[in-house]
Amino acid sequence: MKFVVCVFLFAVVAVALGDKPHYDLNDAPALFEKFVKDFNKSYKDDADREVHYQAFVKSLQEINEANARPSGTIYDINNFADYTEEEQSNMRGLVLPGE
């Protein structure tokens, strides 16, 4: 019985690890449009939209790299996927003077 349970758990983990998303960067424009719609994003102007699009593409690359590593963690697009480095930094908490 223990063997059956172990095999079952192994199968569940194997299936879960196989479901990590990998995004084709050629699809980034369509993925960004879906992201904007799904997360109700709006931007000040076309220049601001382009800055956030580039940040989104960088996030896709980071998601792909993170999901390629062997771990039980699954990375995916979320509402922060278009945040610039500065916006991400502002979310990280304490900022000491001079930083």
PDB file of N, CA and C in Angstrom:
ATOM      1  N   MET A   1       0.825  -1.199   0.000  1.00  0.00           N
ATOM      2  CA  MET A   1       0.000   0.000   0.000  1.00  0.00           C
ATOM      3  C   MET A   1       0.867   1.260   0.000  1.00  0.00           C
ATOM      4  N   LYS A   2       1.927   1.251   0.816  1.00  0.00           N
ATOM      5  CA  LYS A   2       2.815   2.415   0.851  1.00  0.00           C
ATOM      6  C   LYS A   2       3.418   2.675  -0.524  1.00  0.00           C
ATOM      7  N   PHE A   3       3.757   1.601  -1.230  1.00  0.00           N
ATOM      8  CA  PHE A   3       4.334   1.747  -2.556  1.00  0.00           C
ATOM      9  C   PHE A   3       3.352   2.440  -3.499  1.00  0.00           C
ATOM     10  N   VAL A   4       2.103   2.056  -3.453  1.00  0.00           N
ATOM     11  CA  VAL A   4       1.071   2.658  -4.305  1.00  0.00           C
ATOM     12  C   VAL A   4       0.927   4.143  -3.983  1.00  0.00           C
ATOM     13  N   VAL A   5       0.922   4.481  -2.708  1.00  0.00           N
ATOM     14  CA  VAL A   5       0.811   5.885  -2.302  1.00  0.00           C
ATOM     15  C   VAL A   5       2.017   6.670  -2.796  1.00  0.00           C
ATOM     16  N   CYS A   6       3.210   6.102  -2.659  1.00  0.00           N
ATOM     17  CA  CYS A   6       4.427   6.778  -3.121  1.00  0.00           C
ATOM     18  C   CYS A   6       4.399   7.003  -4.632  1.00  0.00           C
ATOM     19  N   VAL A   7       3.983   5.992  -5.379  1.00  0.00           N
ATOM     20  CA  VAL A   7       3.890   6.128  -6.835  1.00  0.00           C
ATOM     21  C   VAL A   7       2.868   7.195  -7.197  1.00  0.00           C
ATOM     22  N   PHE A   8       1.740   7.202  -6.519  1.00  0.00           N
ATOM     23  CA  PHE A   8       0.708   8.201  -6.779  1.00  0.00           C
ATOM     24  C   PHE A   8       1.238   9.610  -6.503  1.00  0.00           C
ATOM     25  N   LEU A   9       1.894   9.801  -5.370  1.00  0.00           N
ATOM     26  CA  LEU A   9       2.437  11.122  -5.032  1.00  0.00           C
ATOM     27  C   LEU A   9       3.500  11.551  -6.036  1.00  0.00           C
ATOM     28  N   PHE A  10       4.348  10.623  -6.451  1.00  0.00           N
ATOM     29  CA  PHE A  10       5.356  10.928  -7.453  1.00  0.00           C
ATOM     30  C   PHE A  10       4.698  11.375  -8.758  1.00  0.00           C
ATOM     31  N   ALA A  11       3.652  10.681  -9.162  1.00  0.00           N
ATOM     32  CA  ALA A  11       2.938  11.031 -10.395  1.00  0.00           C
ATOM     33  C   ALA A  11       2.310  12.412 -10.292  1.00  0.00           C
ATOM     34  N   VAL A  12       1.728  12.729  -9.141  1.00  0.00           N
ATOM     35  CA  VAL A  12       1.115  14.047  -8.944  1.00  0.00           C
ATOM     36  C   VAL A  12       2.167  15.141  -9.042  1.00  0.00           C
ATOM     37  N   VAL A  13       3.300  14.940  -8.400  1.00  0.00           N
ATOM     38  CA  VAL A  13       4.380  15.929  -8.443  1.00  0.00           C
ATOM     39  C   VAL A  13       4.916  16.066  -9.860  1.00  0.00           C
ATOM     40  N   ALA A  14       5.105  14.972 -10.555  1.00  0.00           N
ATOM     41  CA  ALA A  14       5.616  15.013 -11.922  1.00  0.00           C
ATOM     42  C   ALA A  14       4.675  15.779 -12.842  1.00  0.00           C
ATOM     43  N   VAL A  15       3.390  15.559 -12.701  1.00  0.00           N
ATOM     44  CA  VAL A  15       2.407  16.281 -13.515  1.00  0.00           C
ATOM     45  C   VAL A  15       2.432  17.764 -13.170  1.00  0.00           C
ATOM     46  N   ALA A  16       2.492  18.080 -11.889  1.00  0.00           N
ATOM     47  CA  ALA A  16       2.503  19.482 -11.461  1.00  0.00           C
ATOM     48  C   ALA A  16       3.732  20.200 -11.993  1.00  0.00           C
ATOM     49  N   LEU A  17       4.882  19.551 -11.956  1.00  0.00           N
ATOM     50  CA  LEU A  17       6.104  20.182 -12.437  1.00  0.00           C
ATOM     51  C   LEU A  17       6.097  20.339 -13.948  1.00  0.00           C
ATOM     52  N   GLY A  18       5.363  19.523 -14.650  1.00  0.00           N
ATOM     53  CA  GLY A  18       5.300  19.611 -16.097  1.00  0.00           C
ATOM     54  C   GLY A  18       4.393  20.718 -16.595  1.00  0.00           C
ATOM     55  N   ASP A  19       3.651  21.354 -15.732  1.00  0.00           N
ATOM     56  CA  ASP A  19       2.694  22.377 -16.129  1.00  0.00           C
ATOM     57  C   ASP A  19       3.235  23.792 -16.010  1.00  0.00           C
ATOM     58  N   LYS A  20       4.538  23.953 -15.926  1.00  0.00           N
ATOM     59  CA  LYS A  20       5.109  25.292 -15.821  1.00  0.00           C
ATOM     60  C   LYS A  20       4.975  26.001 -17.165  1.00  0.00           C
ATOM     61  N   PRO A  21       4.489  27.231 -17.151  1.00  0.00           N
ATOM     62  CA  PRO A  21       4.339  27.941 -18.424  1.00  0.00           C
ATOM     63  C   PRO A  21       5.688  28.354 -19.013  1.00  0.00           C
ATOM     64  N   HIS A  22       5.745  28.367 -20.317  1.00  0.00           N
ATOM     65  CA  HIS A  22       6.889  28.905 -21.057  1.00  0.00           C
ATOM     66  C   HIS A  22       6.299  29.774 -22.161  1.00  0.00           C
ATOM     67  N   TYR A  23       6.714  31.017 -22.214  1.00  0.00           N
ATOM     68  CA  TYR A  23       6.131  31.967 -23.156  1.00  0.00           C
ATOM     69  C   TYR A  23       7.060  32.208 -24.337  1.00  0.00           C
ATOM     70  N   ASP A  24       6.491  32.141 -25.527  1.00  0.00           N
ATOM     71  CA  ASP A  24       7.211  32.487 -26.745  1.00  0.00           C
ATOM     72  C   ASP A  24       7.252  34.013 -26.818  1.00  0.00           C
ATOM     73  N   LEU A  25       8.450  34.574 -26.812  1.00  0.00           N
ATOM     74  CA  LEU A  25       8.577  36.032 -26.806  1.00  0.00           C
ATOM     75  C   LEU A  25       8.053  36.662 -28.093  1.00  0.00           C
ATOM     76  N   ASN A  26       7.922  35.872 -29.151  1.00  0.00           N
ATOM     77  CA  ASN A  26       7.301  36.386 -30.377  1.00  0.00           C
ATOM     78  C   ASN A  26       5.823  36.694 -30.161  1.00  0.00           C
ATOM     79  N   ASP A  27       5.232  36.080 -29.136  1.00  0.00           N
ATOM     80  CA  ASP A  27       3.825  36.320 -28.799  1.00  0.00           C
ATOM     81  C   ASP A  27       3.654  37.458 -27.796  1.00  0.00           C
ATOM     82  N   ALA A  28       4.743  38.131 -27.438  1.00  0.00           N
ATOM     83  CA  ALA A  28       4.686  39.168 -26.400  1.00  0.00           C
ATOM     84  C   ALA A  28       3.653  40.263 -26.688  1.00  0.00           C
ATOM     85  N   PRO A  29       3.537  40.771 -27.913  1.00  0.00           N
ATOM     86  CA  PRO A  29       2.525  41.814 -28.136  1.00  0.00           C
ATOM     87  C   PRO A  29       1.103  41.345 -27.803  1.00  0.00           C
ATOM     88  N   ALA A  30       0.740  40.149 -28.230  1.00  0.00           N
ATOM     89  CA  ALA A  30      -0.603  39.625 -27.936  1.00  0.00           C
ATOM     90  C   ALA A  30      -0.754  39.319 -26.451  1.00  0.00           C
ATOM     91  N   LEU A  31       0.295  38.780 -25.838  1.00  0.00           N
ATOM     92  CA  LEU A  31       0.247  38.499 -24.398  1.00  0.00           C
ATOM     93  C   LEU A  31       0.089  39.794 -23.600  1.00  0.00           C
ATOM     94  N   PHE A  32       0.755  40.855 -24.058  1.00  0.00           N
ATOM     95  CA  PHE A  32       0.646  42.143 -23.368  1.00  0.00           C
ATOM     96  C   PHE A  32      -0.773  42.698 -23.496  1.00  0.00           C
ATOM     97  N   GLU A  33      -1.363  42.595 -24.670  1.00  0.00           N
ATOM     98  CA  GLU A  33      -2.735  43.076 -24.846  1.00  0.00           C
ATOM     99  C   GLU A  33      -3.699  42.315 -23.934  1.00  0.00           C
ATOM    100  N   LYS A  34      -3.516  41.006 -23.834  1.00  0.00           N
ATOM    101  CA  LYS A  34      -4.350  40.202 -22.938  1.00  0.00           C
ATOM    102  C   LYS A  34      -4.106  40.606 -21.487  1.00  0.00           C
ATOM    103  N   PHE A  35      -2.854  40.824 -21.128  1.00  0.00           N
ATOM    104  CA  PHE A  35      -2.484  41.256 -19.783  1.00  0.00           C
ATOM    105  C   PHE A  35      -3.162  42.584 -19.439  1.00  0.00           C
ATOM    106  N   VAL A  36      -3.093  43.545 -20.357  1.00  0.00           N
ATOM    107  CA  VAL A  36      -3.701  44.866 -20.134  1.00  0.00           C
ATOM    108  C   VAL A  36      -5.196  44.717 -19.895  1.00  0.00           C
ATOM    109  N   LYS A  37      -5.837  43.884 -20.683  1.00  0.00           N
ATOM    110  CA  LYS A  37      -7.278  43.665 -20.535  1.00  0.00           C
ATOM    111  C   LYS A  37      -7.597  42.920 -19.240  1.00  0.00           C
ATOM    112  N   ASP A  38      -6.880  41.821 -18.986  1.00  0.00           N
ATOM    113  CA  ASP A  38      -7.156  40.983 -17.811  1.00  0.00           C
ATOM    114  C   ASP A  38      -6.955  41.728 -16.495  1.00  0.00           C
ATOM    115  N   PHE A  39      -5.948  42.600 -16.453  1.00  0.00           N
ATOM    116  CA  PHE A  39      -5.626  43.302 -15.212  1.00  0.00           C
ATOM    117  C   PHE A  39      -6.061  44.768 -15.237  1.00  0.00           C
ATOM    118  N   ASN A  40      -6.866  45.125 -16.243  1.00  0.00           N
ATOM    119  CA  ASN A  40      -7.439  46.466 -16.342  1.00  0.00           C
ATOM    120  C   ASN A  40      -6.371  47.555 -16.210  1.00  0.00           C
ATOM    121  N   LYS A  41      -5.299  47.415 -16.981  1.00  0.00           N
ATOM    122  CA  LYS A  41      -4.189  48.369 -16.935  1.00  0.00           C
ATOM    123  C   LYS A  41      -4.473  49.558 -17.840  1.00  0.00           C
ATOM    124  N   SER A  42      -3.980  50.706 -17.437  1.00  0.00           N
ATOM    125  CA  SER A  42      -4.029  51.901 -18.286  1.00  0.00           C
ATOM    126  C   SER A  42      -2.721  52.656 -18.086  1.00  0.00           C
ATOM    127  N   TYR A  43      -2.322  53.370 -19.118  1.00  0.00           N
ATOM    128  CA  TYR A  43      -1.042  54.069 -19.097  1.00  0.00           C
ATOM    129  C   TYR A  43      -1.257  55.528 -19.479  1.00  0.00           C
ATOM    130  N   LYS A  44      -0.340  56.383 -19.031  1.00  0.00           N
ATOM    131  CA  LYS A  44      -0.474  57.827 -19.249  1.00  0.00           C
ATOM    132  C   LYS A  44      -0.519  58.184 -20.730  1.00  0.00           C
ATOM    133  N   ASP A  45       0.362  57.557 -21.493  1.00  0.00           N
ATOM    134  CA  ASP A  45       0.463  57.853 -22.922  1.00  0.00           C
ATOM    135  C   ASP A  45       1.181  56.691 -23.605  1.00  0.00           C
ATOM    136  N   ASP A  46       1.422  56.836 -24.905  1.00  0.00           N
ATOM    137  CA  ASP A  46       2.064  55.754 -25.660  1.00  0.00           C
ATOM    138  C   ASP A  46       3.482  55.472 -25.173  1.00  0.00           C
ATOM    139  N   ALA A  47       4.198  56.514 -24.765  1.00  0.00           N
ATOM    140  CA  ALA A  47       5.563  56.325 -24.268  1.00  0.00           C
ATOM    141  C   ALA A  47       5.554  55.514 -22.970  1.00  0.00           C
ATOM    142  N   ASP A  48       4.620  55.830 -22.081  1.00  0.00           N
ATOM    143  CA  ASP A  48       4.497  55.099 -20.817  1.00  0.00           C
ATOM    144  C   ASP A  48       4.098  53.649 -21.091  1.00  0.00           C
ATOM    145  N   ARG A  49       3.215  53.461 -22.041  1.00  0.00           N
ATOM    146  CA  ARG A  49       2.794  52.097 -22.413  1.00  0.00           C
ATOM    147  C   ARG A  49       3.988  51.300 -22.932  1.00  0.00           C
ATOM    148  N   GLU A  50       4.830  51.929 -23.730  1.00  0.00           N
ATOM    149  CA  GLU A  50       6.007  51.248 -24.281  1.00  0.00           C
ATOM    150  C   GLU A  50       6.991  50.863 -23.173  1.00  0.00           C
ATOM    151  N   VAL A  51       7.190  51.748 -22.204  1.00  0.00           N
ATOM    152  CA  VAL A  51       8.070  51.447 -21.064  1.00  0.00           C
ATOM    153  C   VAL A  51       7.550  50.220 -20.321  1.00  0.00           C
ATOM    154  N   HIS A  52       6.247  50.179 -20.098  1.00  0.00           N
ATOM    155  CA  HIS A  52       5.662  49.051 -19.377  1.00  0.00           C
ATOM    156  C   HIS A  52       5.617  47.786 -20.239  1.00  0.00           C
ATOM    157  N   TYR A  53       5.495  47.942 -21.537  1.00  0.00           N
ATOM    158  CA  TYR A  53       5.576  46.782 -22.432  1.00  0.00           C
ATOM    159  C   TYR A  53       6.966  46.149 -22.341  1.00  0.00           C
ATOM    160  N   GLN A  54       8.001  46.989 -22.369  1.00  0.00           N
ATOM    161  CA  GLN A  54       9.370  46.467 -22.271  1.00  0.00           C
ATOM    162  C   GLN A  54       9.593  45.764 -20.931  1.00  0.00           C
ATOM    163  N   ALA A  55       9.038  46.318 -19.858  1.00  0.00           N
ATOM    164  CA  ALA A  55       9.134  45.677 -18.542  1.00  0.00           C
ATOM    165  C   ALA A  55       8.395  44.337 -18.554  1.00  0.00           C
ATOM    166  N   PHE A  56       7.271  44.281 -19.246  1.00  0.00           N
ATOM    167  CA  PHE A  56       6.493  43.046 -19.370  1.00  0.00           C
ATOM    168  C   PHE A  56       7.304  41.976 -20.104  1.00  0.00           C
ATOM    169  N   VAL A  57       7.952  42.357 -21.191  1.00  0.00           N
ATOM    170  CA  VAL A  57       8.774  41.408 -21.951  1.00  0.00           C
ATOM    171  C   VAL A  57       9.908  40.882 -21.071  1.00  0.00           C
ATOM    172  N   LYS A  58      10.518  41.772 -20.302  1.00  0.00           N
ATOM    173  CA  LYS A  58      11.575  41.348 -19.377  1.00  0.00           C
ATOM    174  C   LYS A  58      11.015  40.353 -18.357  1.00  0.00           C
ATOM    175  N   SER A  59       9.813  40.599 -17.877  1.00  0.00           N
ATOM    176  CA  SER A  59       9.173  39.671 -16.938  1.00  0.00           C
ATOM    177  C   SER A  59       8.936  38.311 -17.588  1.00  0.00           C
ATOM    178  N   LEU A  60       8.525  38.307 -18.854  1.00  0.00           N
ATOM    179  CA  LEU A  60       8.331  37.036 -19.560  1.00  0.00           C
ATOM    180  C   LEU A  60       9.638  36.251 -19.613  1.00  0.00           C
ATOM    181  N   GLN A  61      10.736  36.954 -19.910  1.00  0.00           N
ATOM    182  CA  GLN A  61      12.042  36.297 -19.952  1.00  0.00           C
ATOM    183  C   GLN A  61      12.399  35.722 -18.583  1.00  0.00           C
ATOM    184  N   GLU A  62      12.155  36.502 -17.528  1.00  0.00           N
ATOM    185  CA  GLU A  62      12.464  36.047 -16.172  1.00  0.00           C
ATOM    186  C   GLU A  62      11.577  34.865 -15.768  1.00  0.00           C
ATOM    187  N   ILE A  63      10.320  34.897 -16.173  1.00  0.00           N
ATOM    188  CA  ILE A  63       9.408  33.778 -15.896  1.00  0.00           C
ATOM    189  C   ILE A  63       9.920  32.512 -16.581  1.00  0.00           C
ATOM    190  N   ASN A  64      10.295  32.633 -17.854  1.00  0.00           N
ATOM    191  CA  ASN A  64      10.809  31.477 -18.591  1.00  0.00           C
ATOM    192  C   ASN A  64      12.064  30.914 -17.936  1.00  0.00           C
ATOM    193  N   GLU A  65      12.983  31.801 -17.546  1.00  0.00           N
ATOM    194  CA  GLU A  65      14.228  31.360 -16.910  1.00  0.00           C
ATOM    195  C   GLU A  65      13.943  30.682 -15.574  1.00  0.00           C
ATOM    196  N   ALA A  66      13.070  31.269 -14.773  1.00  0.00           N
ATOM    197  CA  ALA A  66      12.760  30.708 -13.455  1.00  0.00           C
ATOM    198  C   ALA A  66      12.065  29.356 -13.585  1.00  0.00           C
ATOM    199  N   ASN A  67      11.162  29.231 -14.537  1.00  0.00           N
ATOM    200  CA  ASN A  67      10.442  27.966 -14.717  1.00  0.00           C
ATOM    201  C   ASN A  67      11.321  26.875 -15.327  1.00  0.00           C
ATOM    202  N   ALA A  68      12.426  27.264 -15.950  1.00  0.00           N
ATOM    203  CA  ALA A  68      13.348  26.279 -16.518  1.00  0.00           C
ATOM    204  C   ALA A  68      14.196  25.617 -15.431  1.00  0.00           C
ATOM    205  N   ARG A  69      14.305  26.265 -14.280  1.00  0.00           N
ATOM    206  CA  ARG A  69      15.082  25.691 -13.175  1.00  0.00           C
ATOM    207  C   ARG A  69      14.271  24.585 -12.501  1.00  0.00           C
ATOM    208  N   PRO A  70      14.960  23.545 -12.057  1.00  0.00           N
ATOM    209  CA  PRO A  70      14.243  22.466 -11.363  1.00  0.00           C
ATOM    210  C   PRO A  70      13.839  22.892  -9.952  1.00  0.00           C
ATOM    211  N   SER A  71      12.577  23.106  -9.758  1.00  0.00           N
ATOM    212  CA  SER A  71      12.041  23.429  -8.431  1.00  0.00           C
ATOM    213  C   SER A  71      10.544  23.174  -8.464  1.00  0.00           C
ATOM    214  N   GLY A  72       9.942  23.188  -7.316  1.00  0.00           N
ATOM    215  CA  GLY A  72       8.503  22.989  -7.234  1.00  0.00           C
ATOM    216  C   GLY A  72       7.719  24.271  -7.412  1.00  0.00           C
ATOM    217  N   THR A  73       8.421  25.380  -7.609  1.00  0.00           N
ATOM    218  CA  THR A  73       7.770  26.677  -7.739  1.00  0.00           C
ATOM    219  C   THR A  73       7.390  26.930  -9.192  1.00  0.00           C
ATOM    220  N   ILE A  74       6.201  27.478  -9.390  1.00  0.00           N
ATOM    221  CA  ILE A  74       5.732  27.826 -10.729  1.00  0.00           C
ATOM    222  C   ILE A  74       5.584  29.340 -10.801  1.00  0.00           C
ATOM    223  N   TYR A  75       6.253  29.949 -11.775  1.00  0.00           N
ATOM    224  CA  TYR A  75       6.177  31.388 -11.996  1.00  0.00           C
ATOM    225  C   TYR A  75       5.255  31.646 -13.178  1.00  0.00           C
ATOM    226  N   ASP A  76       4.502  32.747 -13.105  1.00  0.00           N
ATOM    227  CA  ASP A  76       3.569  33.056 -14.181  1.00  0.00           C
ATOM    228  C   ASP A  76       3.300  34.558 -14.198  1.00  0.00           C
ATOM    229  N   ILE A  77       2.563  34.998 -15.181  1.00  0.00           N
ATOM    230  CA  ILE A  77       2.191  36.403 -15.311  1.00  0.00           C
ATOM    231  C   ILE A  77       1.231  36.761 -14.185  1.00  0.00           C
ATOM    232  N   ASN A  78       1.484  37.896 -13.546  1.00  0.00           N
ATOM    233  CA  ASN A  78       0.561  38.411 -12.533  1.00  0.00           C
ATOM    234  C   ASN A  78       0.413  39.918 -12.731  1.00  0.00           C
ATOM    235  N   ASN A  79      -0.303  40.581 -11.841  1.00  0.00           N
ATOM    236  CA  ASN A  79      -0.589  42.004 -12.030  1.00  0.00           C
ATOM    237  C   ASN A  79       0.649  42.889 -11.920  1.00  0.00           C
ATOM    238  N   PHE A  80       1.783  42.349 -11.508  1.00  0.00           N
ATOM    239  CA  PHE A  80       3.015  43.132 -11.406  1.00  0.00           C
ATOM    240  C   PHE A  80       3.938  42.933 -12.609  1.00  0.00           C
ATOM    241  N   ALA A  81       3.532  42.174 -13.590  1.00  0.00           N
ATOM    242  CA  ALA A  81       4.403  41.796 -14.701  1.00  0.00           C
ATOM    243  C   ALA A  81       4.862  42.979 -15.548  1.00  0.00           C
ATOM    244  N   ASP A  82       4.189  44.114 -15.459  1.00  0.00           N
ATOM    245  CA  ASP A  82       4.601  45.282 -16.247  1.00  0.00           C
ATOM    246  C   ASP A  82       5.335  46.323 -15.405  1.00  0.00           C
ATOM    247  N   TYR A  83       5.666  45.985 -14.174  1.00  0.00           N
ATOM    248  CA  TYR A  83       6.346  46.951 -13.305  1.00  0.00           C
ATOM    249  C   TYR A  83       7.796  47.137 -13.752  1.00  0.00           C
ATOM    250  N   THR A  84       8.218  48.392 -13.782  1.00  0.00           N
ATOM    251  CA  THR A  84       9.606  48.706 -14.088  1.00  0.00           C
ATOM    252  C   THR A  84      10.467  48.380 -12.868  1.00  0.00           C
ATOM    253  N   GLU A  85      11.779  48.416 -13.043  1.00  0.00           N
ATOM    254  CA  GLU A  85      12.694  48.181 -11.917  1.00  0.00           C
ATOM    255  C   GLU A  85      12.407  49.169 -10.783  1.00  0.00           C
ATOM    256  N   GLU A  86      12.181  50.426 -11.137  1.00  0.00           N
ATOM    257  CA  GLU A  86      11.912  51.449 -10.121  1.00  0.00           C
ATOM    258  C   GLU A  86      10.616  51.148  -9.367  1.00  0.00           C
ATOM    259  N   GLU A  87       9.579  50.769 -10.088  1.00  0.00           N
ATOM    260  CA  GLU A  87       8.305  50.444  -9.438  1.00  0.00           C
ATOM    261  C   GLU A  87       8.444  49.223  -8.532  1.00  0.00           C
ATOM    262  N   GLN A  88       9.213  48.243  -8.976  1.00  0.00           N
ATOM    263  CA  GLN A  88       9.450  47.063  -8.136  1.00  0.00           C
ATOM    264  C   GLN A  88      10.229  47.441  -6.890  1.00  0.00           C
ATOM    265  N   SER A  89      11.225  48.275  -7.068  1.00  0.00           N
ATOM    266  CA  SER A  89      12.051  48.707  -5.941  1.00  0.00           C
ATOM    267  C   SER A  89      11.221  49.436  -4.894  1.00  0.00           C
ATOM    268  N   ASN A  90      10.286  50.250  -5.336  1.00  0.00           N
ATOM    269  CA  ASN A  90       9.434  51.007  -4.411  1.00  0.00           C
ATOM    270  C   ASN A  90       8.525  50.100  -3.591  1.00  0.00           C
ATOM    271  N   MET A  91       8.307  48.882  -4.050  1.00  0.00           N
ATOM    272  CA  MET A  91       7.430  47.949  -3.338  1.00  0.00           C
ATOM    273  C   MET A  91       8.172  47.114  -2.303  1.00  0.00           C
ATOM    274  N   ARG A  92       9.473  47.155  -2.313  1.00  0.00           N
ATOM    275  CA  ARG A  92      10.253  46.228  -1.498  1.00  0.00           C
ATOM    276  C   ARG A  92      10.439  46.649  -0.050  1.00  0.00           C
ATOM    277  N   GLY A  93       9.836  47.726   0.360  1.00  0.00           N
ATOM    278  CA  GLY A  93       9.899  48.075   1.777  1.00  0.00           C
ATOM    279  C   GLY A  93      10.866  49.191   2.083  1.00  0.00           C
ATOM    280  N   LEU A  94      11.594  49.031   3.165  1.00  0.00           N
ATOM    281  CA  LEU A  94      12.463  50.055   3.714  1.00  0.00           C
ATOM    282  C   LEU A  94      13.483  50.542   2.700  1.00  0.00           C
ATOM    283  N   VAL A  95      13.556  51.850   2.544  1.00  0.00           N
ATOM    284  CA  VAL A  95      14.566  52.465   1.704  1.00  0.00           C
ATOM    285  C   VAL A  95      15.400  53.355   2.609  1.00  0.00           C
ATOM    286  N   LEU A  96      16.673  53.046   2.709  1.00  0.00           N
ATOM    287  CA  LEU A  96      17.571  53.818   3.554  1.00  0.00           C
ATOM    288  C   LEU A  96      18.045  55.057   2.816  1.00  0.00           C
ATOM    289  N   PRO A  97      18.353  56.125   3.544  1.00  0.00           N
ATOM    290  CA  PRO A  97      18.869  57.338   2.893  1.00  0.00           C
ATOM    291  C   PRO A  97      20.111  57.011   2.070  1.00  0.00           C
ATOM    292  N   GLY A  98      20.183  57.595   0.897  1.00  0.00           N
ATOM    293  CA  GLY A  98      21.329  57.374   0.025  1.00  0.00           C
ATOM    294  C   GLY A  98      21.172  56.195  -0.917  1.00  0.00           C
ATOM    295  N   GLU A  99      20.063  55.514  -0.847  1.00  0.00           N
ATOM    296  CA  GLU A  99      19.849  54.377  -1.756  1.00  0.00           C
ATOM    297  C   GLU A  99      18.968  54.770  -2.905  1.00  0.00           C
TER     298      GLU A  99
END
